[in-house]
Amino acid sequence: MFAGLGHREFRLLWIGSVCSNIGWWMQNFALGWLVVQLAVRDGEPERAALYLGLVGLCRALPGIAIGLVAGALVDRAERRRLMLVTQSVSRSLALALAFLTAIGAVNLGWVLVISILGAVMAVFDAPARQSALSRLVPQRDIMSAIGLQNVAVHGTGVIGPALGGLLIGSIGNAGLFLVNGLSYIPVIIALFIMQPLPPVAARSGRSVVRSVREALGYVAHDRMLRWAFIVGGVTSLLGRPYLNLLPAFVANTLRRGPEDLSLLLTITGVGSLLAAMFVAGAGRVERRGLSFILSSIAVGGLVVVLAPQTTVDGALVVALGLGFASLAYMGLLSTIIQTTVPEHLLGRVVSLQVMNFMVLLPLGQLVLGALGTAVGIGQALAAGGIVTVLVALYALWRAHELRRCRASDAPGV
């Protein structure tokens, strides 16, 4: 489970990421509640889900516009330097949001602008970070590295929202945004200490457009990968947006406040942490493709169960399972890509995976948020969960190549 930490470069990046992601989860919690407060301030609390959907749209736009190009550029870039830039700019955005909130100038417009700029940074940072794993650890430890990275990104969801719920009463939203800005310092220091991560091969005369077409062609002609992206895409679009719509669900369905939202996010983080540890220690899990499909079915099914809940206790039980299933499906998809895609294509293919998580998820947040404003957030979540289950079941029946994907098929195993 912890084999990845035996490698210095990965260990440095991981420790820095843990610190910065605790701050990010605190900000994510505070930002969701801030958006709900803005809807209330505007005299239309029922529009909270729509406001959250607009934030999701702004997070999706950069991925739609430059996601594929970003992957091609990552394959040509010195990845450590690129991550230094993205982390430094993200820190500045968090501090700007803290300042605007502290002086009372924050509004939905500023939230949307900062969300767009932050998503631009993430579009470059995520494929750079994920495609760097195969350079930081040997193939035998790649599942450990993926699982540990998921601990850093999603497992910290146990700590961030819990701290946010404890501190929001004393330091407010602005204070939580400030803490997030400061939390970037350790990862920036770690990146300065790390060795450079230059491109695997020398740059060819191939244009960026041709590089993107090469990656798209590779995925399109690989039936196993194609089905993995279809299942992952639908799950991101219609299953996982529940997480970003929880503020509206807590306020409008459960009729509770930020402390209960913090508790729900923390319990979801506990489930994610358990799943991340499972992925980190699951190097010998043979039926990776089948496990991936089943985890997607679990995400959709649990969202359907969450939708009609009217008490915090019932929602907490479902949130624990959702946290586990969501992280399991994400980790297994990452593992399938990391162990089957040639390294010279990895940055570009990972960018497609990033679009699954960073474009389709916020787009689904917009769709389900708008639907939730019209028919109720619970009904909207249930509809998304049902479609997710149906698509994953269809893949279980028809996607033979994905269902038969095994750990022993990976090169070097």
Protein backbone atom coordinates (compact mmCIF):
# COMPACT_ATOMS: atom_id res chain seq x y z
CA MET A 1 0.00 0.00 0.00
CA PHE A 2 2.76 2.47 0.90
CA ALA A 3 5.39 1.30 -1.61
CA GLY A 4 5.14 4.54 -3.59
CA LEU A 5 6.41 6.53 -0.61
CA GLY A 6 9.71 4.65 -0.85
CA HIS A 7 10.64 6.86 -3.82
CA ARG A 8 11.96 10.33 -2.92
CA GLU A 9 10.47 12.36 -5.75
CA PHE A 10 6.99 10.92 -5.32
CA ARG A 11 7.24 11.30 -1.54
CA LEU A 12 8.03 15.02 -1.85
CA LEU A 13 5.16 15.65 -4.23
CA TRP A 14 2.77 13.59 -2.11
CA ILE A 15 3.50 15.38 1.17
CA GLY A 16 3.08 18.78 -0.47
CA SER A 17 -0.14 17.64 -2.15
CA VAL A 18 -1.63 16.45 1.15
CA CYS A 19 -1.13 19.91 2.66
CA SER A 20 -2.51 21.83 -0.33
CA ASN A 21 -5.51 19.55 -0.75
CA ILE A 22 -6.60 19.90 2.87
CA GLY A 23 -6.78 23.63 2.16
CA TRP A 24 -8.59 23.03 -1.15
CA TRP A 25 -11.28 20.95 0.58
CA MET A 26 -11.75 23.69 3.15
CA GLN A 27 -12.23 26.20 0.32
CA ASN A 28 -14.54 23.86 -1.61
CA PHE A 29 -16.75 23.53 1.47
CA ALA A 30 -16.76 27.29 2.10
CA LEU A 31 -17.34 28.15 -1.55
CA GLY A 32 -20.37 25.87 -1.82
CA TRP A 33 -21.94 27.43 1.24
CA LEU A 34 -21.02 30.94 0.04
CA VAL A 35 -22.92 30.31 -3.21
CA VAL A 36 -25.99 29.18 -1.23
CA GLN A 37 -25.71 32.37 0.86
CA LEU A 38 -25.52 34.48 -2.31
CA ALA A 39 -28.76 32.91 -3.56
CA VAL A 40 -30.42 33.68 -0.21
CA ARG A 41 -29.06 37.25 -0.33
CA ASP A 42 -30.60 37.65 -3.78
CA GLY A 43 -33.97 36.65 -2.32
CA GLU A 44 -34.17 33.39 -4.31
CA PRO A 45 -32.90 30.51 -2.14
CA GLU A 46 -34.51 27.97 -4.49
CA ARG A 47 -31.93 29.00 -7.09
CA ALA A 48 -29.03 27.72 -4.99
CA ALA A 49 -28.79 24.55 -7.12
CA LEU A 50 -28.76 26.65 -10.31
CA TYR A 51 -26.05 28.94 -8.91
CA LEU A 52 -23.96 25.88 -8.06
CA GLY A 53 -24.59 24.61 -11.59
CA LEU A 54 -23.26 27.88 -13.03
CA VAL A 55 -20.10 27.46 -10.96
CA GLY A 56 -19.83 23.97 -12.43
CA LEU A 57 -20.22 25.35 -15.95
CA CYS A 58 -17.38 27.80 -15.37
CA ARG A 59 -15.19 24.97 -14.13
CA ALA A 60 -16.00 22.99 -17.27
CA LEU A 61 -15.43 25.70 -19.90
CA PRO A 62 -11.59 25.65 -19.87
CA GLY A 63 -11.56 21.88 -20.25
CA ILE A 64 -13.95 22.10 -23.19
CA ALA A 65 -11.91 24.84 -24.84
CA ILE A 66 -8.33 23.68 -24.24
CA GLY A 67 -8.46 20.28 -22.50
CA LEU A 68 -7.12 18.24 -25.42
CA VAL A 69 -4.53 20.85 -26.36
CA ALA A 70 -3.37 20.96 -22.74
CA GLY A 71 -2.62 17.24 -22.84
CA ALA A 72 -0.52 17.64 -25.98
CA LEU A 73 1.39 20.54 -24.41
CA VAL A 74 1.96 18.57 -21.21
CA ASP A 75 3.63 15.79 -23.24
CA ARG A 76 6.06 18.44 -24.58
CA ALA A 77 6.64 20.27 -21.29
CA GLU A 78 9.00 20.00 -18.34
CA ARG A 79 6.30 18.85 -15.95
CA ARG A 80 7.83 19.98 -12.66
CA ARG A 81 8.12 23.55 -13.94
CA LEU A 82 4.58 23.43 -15.33
CA MET A 83 3.21 22.32 -11.95
CA LEU A 84 5.12 25.13 -10.24
CA VAL A 85 3.31 27.65 -12.43
CA THR A 86 -0.15 26.11 -11.94
CA GLN A 87 0.22 25.81 -8.17
CA SER A 88 1.54 29.35 -7.80
CA VAL A 89 -1.32 30.86 -9.80
CA SER A 90 -3.90 28.75 -7.93
CA ARG A 91 -2.50 30.12 -4.67
CA SER A 92 -2.94 33.68 -5.91
CA LEU A 93 -6.55 32.99 -6.89
CA ALA A 94 -7.36 31.63 -3.41
CA LEU A 95 -5.86 34.73 -1.80
CA ALA A 96 -7.83 36.99 -4.16
CA LEU A 97 -11.07 35.21 -3.23
CA ALA A 98 -10.21 35.63 0.47
CA PHE A 99 -9.64 39.37 -0.02
CA LEU A 100 -12.87 39.95 -1.95
CA THR A 101 -14.88 38.04 0.65
CA ALA A 102 -13.23 39.84 3.57
CA ILE A 103 -14.07 43.31 2.20
CA GLY A 104 -17.64 42.30 1.30
CA ALA A 105 -17.14 42.72 -2.46
CA VAL A 106 -17.65 39.08 -3.43
CA ASN A 107 -20.62 38.24 -5.63
CA LEU A 108 -21.62 35.46 -8.00
CA GLY A 109 -19.76 37.15 -10.87
CA TRP A 110 -16.44 37.14 -9.00
CA VAL A 111 -16.99 33.52 -7.94
CA LEU A 112 -17.56 32.52 -11.58
CA VAL A 113 -14.48 34.38 -12.85
CA ILE A 114 -12.20 32.86 -10.21
CA SER A 115 -13.71 29.42 -10.92
CA ILE A 116 -12.84 29.75 -14.61
CA LEU A 117 -9.25 30.82 -13.90
CA GLY A 118 -8.79 28.04 -11.36
CA ALA A 119 -10.09 25.50 -13.86
CA VAL A 120 -7.58 26.71 -16.46
CA MET A 121 -4.79 25.91 -14.01
CA ALA A 122 -6.31 22.51 -13.19
CA VAL A 123 -6.60 21.59 -16.88
CA PHE A 124 -2.81 21.75 -17.12
CA ASP A 125 -1.92 20.61 -13.59
CA ALA A 126 -3.95 17.39 -13.47
CA PRO A 127 -2.53 15.67 -16.59
CA ALA A 128 0.98 16.86 -15.69
CA ARG A 129 0.69 15.39 -12.19
CA GLN A 130 -0.94 12.10 -13.23
CA SER A 131 1.29 11.42 -16.22
CA ALA A 132 4.34 12.12 -14.03
CA LEU A 133 3.57 9.11 -11.82
CA SER A 134 5.15 6.63 -14.22
CA ARG A 135 8.34 8.72 -14.03
CA LEU A 136 8.37 8.95 -10.25
CA VAL A 137 7.78 5.27 -9.38
CA PRO A 138 8.50 1.97 -11.18
CA GLN A 139 5.66 0.04 -12.83
CA ARG A 140 5.40 -2.44 -9.95
CA ASP A 141 4.44 0.39 -7.57
CA ILE A 142 2.10 2.30 -9.89
CA MET A 143 -1.14 1.22 -8.15
CA SER A 144 0.36 2.24 -4.82
CA ALA A 145 1.23 5.65 -6.28
CA ILE A 146 -2.26 6.09 -7.79
CA GLY A 147 -3.94 5.09 -4.54
CA LEU A 148 -1.69 7.36 -2.48
CA GLN A 149 -2.32 10.23 -4.88
CA ASN A 150 -6.03 9.66 -4.42
CA VAL A 151 -5.48 9.74 -0.66
CA ALA A 152 -3.81 13.13 -1.11
CA VAL A 153 -6.55 14.50 -3.39
CA HIS A 154 -9.74 12.86 -2.09
CA GLY A 155 -8.83 11.24 1.21
CA THR A 156 -8.02 14.69 2.57
CA GLY A 157 -11.74 15.34 2.15
CA VAL A 158 -11.99 13.79 5.62
CA ILE A 159 -9.96 16.61 7.17
CA GLY A 160 -10.73 19.70 5.08
CA PRO A 161 -14.54 19.86 5.43
CA ALA A 162 -14.33 18.86 9.11
CA LEU A 163 -11.90 21.70 9.83
CA GLY A 164 -14.02 24.01 7.69
CA GLY A 165 -17.13 23.19 9.70
CA LEU A 166 -15.27 23.84 12.95
CA LEU A 167 -13.67 27.12 11.83
CA ILE A 168 -16.35 28.75 9.67
CA GLY A 169 -18.12 30.16 12.71
CA SER A 170 -14.98 31.92 13.93
CA ILE A 171 -13.04 32.92 10.79
CA GLY A 172 -15.83 32.84 8.20
CA ASN A 173 -15.61 32.02 4.51
CA ALA A 174 -12.81 34.56 3.97
CA GLY A 175 -10.64 32.90 6.61
CA LEU A 176 -11.07 29.48 5.01
CA PHE A 177 -10.13 30.87 1.60
CA LEU A 178 -7.00 32.42 3.18
CA VAL A 179 -6.02 29.10 4.77
CA ASN A 180 -6.28 27.47 1.34
CA GLY A 181 -3.97 30.10 -0.14
CA LEU A 182 -1.37 29.42 2.54
CA SER A 183 -1.70 25.64 2.11
CA TYR A 184 -0.09 25.84 -1.35
CA ILE A 185 3.28 26.79 0.17
CA PRO A 186 4.40 23.20 1.04
CA VAL A 187 3.68 21.80 -2.45
CA ILE A 188 5.46 24.75 -4.11
CA ILE A 189 8.51 24.11 -1.90
CA ALA A 190 8.38 20.38 -2.76
CA LEU A 191 8.32 21.14 -6.49
CA PHE A 192 11.34 23.43 -6.12
CA ILE A 193 13.28 20.59 -4.43
CA MET A 194 12.31 17.88 -6.93
CA GLN A 195 14.38 16.96 -9.96
CA PRO A 196 13.18 18.20 -13.39
CA LEU A 197 10.73 16.03 -15.35
CA PRO A 198 11.55 16.68 -19.02
CA PRO A 199 9.58 15.13 -21.89
CA VAL A 200 10.15 11.40 -22.43
CA ALA A 201 11.26 11.85 -26.02
CA ALA A 202 12.57 14.74 -28.02
CA ARG A 203 9.95 16.97 -29.59
CA SER A 204 9.01 15.95 -33.09
CA GLY A 205 7.94 18.23 -35.90
CA ARG A 206 4.35 17.06 -35.38
CA SER A 207 1.92 19.92 -34.71
CA VAL A 208 -0.20 20.13 -31.57
CA VAL A 209 -3.31 19.38 -33.63
CA ARG A 210 -1.75 16.23 -35.06
CA SER A 211 -0.63 15.21 -31.58
CA VAL A 212 -4.20 15.55 -30.31
CA ARG A 213 -5.54 13.57 -33.27
CA GLU A 214 -3.03 10.82 -32.56
CA ALA A 215 -4.29 10.45 -28.98
CA LEU A 216 -7.95 10.54 -30.03
CA GLY A 217 -7.27 7.93 -32.69
CA TYR A 218 -5.52 5.70 -30.18
CA VAL A 219 -8.50 5.76 -27.79
CA ALA A 220 -11.04 5.43 -30.61
CA HIS A 221 -9.40 2.27 -31.98
CA ASP A 222 -8.85 0.62 -28.59
CA ARG A 223 -12.23 -0.89 -27.68
CA MET A 224 -11.29 -1.46 -24.06
CA LEU A 225 -10.24 2.16 -23.53
CA ARG A 226 -13.20 3.47 -25.51
CA TRP A 227 -15.67 1.67 -23.27
CA ALA A 228 -13.76 2.78 -20.16
CA PHE A 229 -14.15 6.40 -21.23
CA ILE A 230 -17.85 5.93 -22.05
CA VAL A 231 -18.66 4.42 -18.65
CA GLY A 232 -16.43 6.90 -16.84
CA GLY A 233 -17.90 9.82 -18.79
CA VAL A 234 -21.53 9.00 -17.99
CA THR A 235 -20.67 8.41 -14.33
CA SER A 236 -18.92 11.78 -14.15
CA LEU A 237 -21.73 13.57 -16.00
CA LEU A 238 -24.75 12.16 -14.15
CA GLY A 239 -23.53 10.26 -11.09
CA ARG A 240 -20.77 12.20 -9.36
CA PRO A 241 -22.27 15.75 -9.50
CA TYR A 242 -24.09 14.84 -6.28
CA LEU A 243 -20.96 15.95 -4.41
CA ASN A 244 -20.98 19.51 -5.74
CA LEU A 245 -24.76 19.78 -5.33
CA LEU A 246 -24.70 18.73 -1.67
CA PRO A 247 -24.89 22.36 -0.44
CA ALA A 248 -28.26 22.77 -2.19
CA PHE A 249 -29.40 19.31 -1.04
CA VAL A 250 -28.54 20.14 2.58
CA ALA A 251 -30.16 23.58 2.47
CA ASN A 252 -33.30 22.82 0.46
CA THR A 253 -34.03 19.13 1.13
CA LEU A 254 -32.59 18.41 4.56
CA ARG A 255 -33.24 22.00 5.74
CA ARG A 256 -29.96 22.10 7.65
CA GLY A 257 -26.96 24.42 7.92
CA PRO A 258 -23.22 24.49 7.14
CA GLU A 259 -22.28 22.24 10.08
CA ASP A 260 -24.33 19.38 8.65
CA LEU A 261 -22.90 20.03 5.17
CA SER A 262 -19.43 19.79 6.72
CA LEU A 263 -20.39 16.49 8.35
CA LEU A 264 -21.73 15.03 5.09
CA LEU A 265 -18.61 16.06 3.16
CA THR A 266 -16.39 14.63 5.91
CA ILE A 267 -18.18 11.27 5.86
CA THR A 268 -17.90 11.23 2.06
CA GLY A 269 -14.19 11.86 2.55
CA VAL A 270 -13.95 8.90 4.93
CA GLY A 271 -15.40 6.67 2.23
CA SER A 272 -12.98 8.13 -0.32
CA LEU A 273 -10.05 7.57 2.02
CA LEU A 274 -10.99 3.93 2.52
CA ALA A 275 -11.30 3.46 -1.24
CA ALA A 276 -7.97 5.19 -1.88
CA MET A 277 -6.28 2.83 0.56
CA PHE A 278 -7.99 -0.08 -1.20
CA VAL A 279 -6.67 1.09 -4.59
CA ALA A 280 -3.18 1.67 -3.15
CA GLY A 281 -3.07 -1.87 -1.81
CA ALA A 282 -4.86 -3.49 -4.73
CA GLY A 283 -1.88 -4.11 -6.97
CA ARG A 284 -2.87 -7.76 -7.19
CA VAL A 285 -6.55 -7.16 -8.00
CA GLU A 286 -6.85 -9.15 -11.20
CA ARG A 287 -10.29 -8.17 -12.59
CA ARG A 288 -9.70 -4.42 -12.89
CA GLY A 289 -12.13 -3.85 -15.74
CA LEU A 290 -14.98 -5.69 -14.05
CA SER A 291 -14.29 -3.91 -10.76
CA PHE A 292 -14.40 -0.55 -12.57
CA ILE A 293 -17.82 -1.25 -14.12
CA LEU A 294 -19.24 -2.50 -10.82
CA SER A 295 -18.00 0.61 -9.00
CA SER A 296 -19.80 2.80 -11.56
CA ILE A 297 -23.02 0.83 -10.98
CA ALA A 298 -22.56 1.40 -7.25
CA VAL A 299 -22.15 5.17 -7.72
CA GLY A 300 -25.40 5.47 -9.67
CA GLY A 301 -27.33 3.16 -7.37
CA LEU A 302 -26.24 4.97 -4.20
CA VAL A 303 -27.13 8.36 -5.68
CA VAL A 304 -30.64 7.01 -6.27
CA VAL A 305 -30.74 5.93 -2.61
CA LEU A 306 -29.45 9.35 -1.44
CA ALA A 307 -32.06 11.36 -3.37
CA PRO A 308 -35.14 10.64 -1.18
CA GLN A 309 -33.33 10.99 2.16
CA THR A 310 -34.88 13.56 4.48
CA THR A 311 -32.71 13.09 7.57
CA VAL A 312 -29.02 13.75 8.10
CA ASP A 313 -28.50 10.31 9.65
CA GLY A 314 -29.83 8.53 6.56
CA ALA A 315 -27.82 10.73 4.23
CA LEU A 316 -24.63 10.08 6.22
CA VAL A 317 -24.87 6.32 5.73
CA VAL A 318 -25.33 6.70 1.97
CA ALA A 319 -22.57 9.34 1.75
CA LEU A 320 -20.05 6.89 3.20
CA GLY A 321 -20.79 4.35 0.47
CA LEU A 322 -20.80 7.03 -2.23
CA GLY A 323 -17.40 8.27 -1.18
CA PHE A 324 -15.99 4.75 -1.45
CA ALA A 325 -17.62 3.89 -4.79
CA SER A 326 -16.74 7.23 -6.42
CA LEU A 327 -13.08 7.06 -5.52
CA ALA A 328 -12.87 3.36 -6.46
CA TYR A 329 -14.18 4.01 -9.96
CA MET A 330 -11.79 6.97 -10.41
CA GLY A 331 -8.79 5.05 -9.12
CA LEU A 332 -9.50 1.99 -11.22
CA LEU A 333 -9.90 4.10 -14.37
CA SER A 334 -6.55 5.78 -13.63
CA THR A 335 -4.92 2.38 -13.13
CA ILE A 336 -6.29 1.01 -16.42
CA ILE A 337 -4.93 4.04 -18.29
CA GLN A 338 -1.55 4.13 -16.53
CA THR A 339 -0.90 0.45 -17.19
CA THR A 340 -2.09 0.17 -20.82
CA VAL A 341 -1.21 3.45 -22.60
CA PRO A 342 2.30 3.94 -24.08
CA GLU A 343 4.28 6.57 -22.16
CA HIS A 344 4.73 8.92 -25.13
CA LEU A 345 0.90 9.19 -25.36
CA LEU A 346 0.21 9.21 -21.65
CA GLY A 347 -0.12 12.96 -21.09
CA ARG A 348 -2.62 13.29 -23.93
CA VAL A 349 -4.71 10.27 -22.93
CA VAL A 350 -4.66 11.37 -19.29
CA SER A 351 -6.00 14.74 -20.47
CA LEU A 352 -9.04 12.87 -21.81
CA GLN A 353 -9.43 11.25 -18.41
CA VAL A 354 -9.12 14.68 -16.79
CA MET A 355 -11.90 15.91 -19.08
CA ASN A 356 -14.05 13.09 -17.67
CA PHE A 357 -13.57 14.44 -14.18
CA MET A 358 -13.14 18.17 -14.77
CA VAL A 359 -15.46 18.86 -17.70
CA LEU A 360 -18.26 16.31 -17.62
CA LEU A 361 -18.69 16.47 -13.85
CA PRO A 362 -19.26 20.27 -13.72
CA LEU A 363 -21.43 20.08 -16.85
CA GLY A 364 -23.52 17.48 -15.07
CA GLN A 365 -23.56 19.81 -12.08
CA LEU A 366 -25.12 22.47 -14.32
CA VAL A 367 -27.64 20.09 -15.91
CA LEU A 368 -28.75 18.50 -12.64
CA GLY A 369 -28.65 21.86 -10.84
CA ALA A 370 -30.95 23.44 -13.42
CA LEU A 371 -33.22 20.39 -13.35
CA GLY A 372 -33.18 20.49 -9.56
CA THR A 373 -34.34 24.11 -9.58
CA ALA A 374 -37.32 23.07 -11.72
CA VAL A 375 -38.38 19.75 -10.17
CA GLY A 376 -36.42 19.49 -6.93
CA ILE A 377 -32.81 18.56 -6.26
CA GLY A 378 -33.71 15.06 -5.01
CA GLN A 379 -35.58 14.15 -8.19
CA ALA A 380 -32.75 15.50 -10.34
CA LEU A 381 -30.13 13.43 -8.49
CA ALA A 382 -32.28 10.31 -8.79
CA ALA A 383 -32.66 10.75 -12.55
CA GLY A 384 -28.90 11.07 -12.99
CA GLY A 385 -28.25 8.00 -10.86
CA ILE A 386 -30.72 5.86 -12.81
CA VAL A 387 -29.12 6.71 -16.17
CA THR A 388 -25.66 5.99 -14.73
CA VAL A 389 -26.75 2.52 -13.60
CA LEU A 390 -28.38 1.70 -16.94
CA VAL A 391 -25.30 2.68 -18.99
CA ALA A 392 -22.94 0.74 -16.70
CA LEU A 393 -25.20 -2.34 -16.86
CA TYR A 394 -25.19 -2.11 -20.64
CA ALA A 395 -21.39 -1.98 -20.60
CA LEU A 396 -21.32 -5.00 -18.30
CA TRP A 397 -23.27 -6.85 -21.00
CA ARG A 398 -21.60 -5.55 -24.16
CA ALA A 399 -18.10 -4.24 -23.26
CA HIS A 400 -16.31 -7.59 -23.33
CA GLU A 401 -12.82 -6.08 -23.72
CA LEU A 402 -13.25 -3.82 -20.70
CA ARG A 403 -14.90 -6.50 -18.58
CA ARG A 404 -11.99 -8.85 -19.30
CA CYS A 405 -9.25 -6.29 -18.55
CA ARG A 406 -6.88 -7.92 -16.07
CA ALA A 407 -3.84 -6.83 -14.10
CA SER A 408 -1.80 -9.60 -15.74
CA ASP A 409 -2.43 -8.03 -19.17
CA ALA A 410 -0.42 -4.91 -18.28
CA PRO A 411 3.09 -4.62 -19.77
CA GLY A 412 5.84 -5.55 -17.37
CA VAL A 413 3.58 -7.56 -15.06
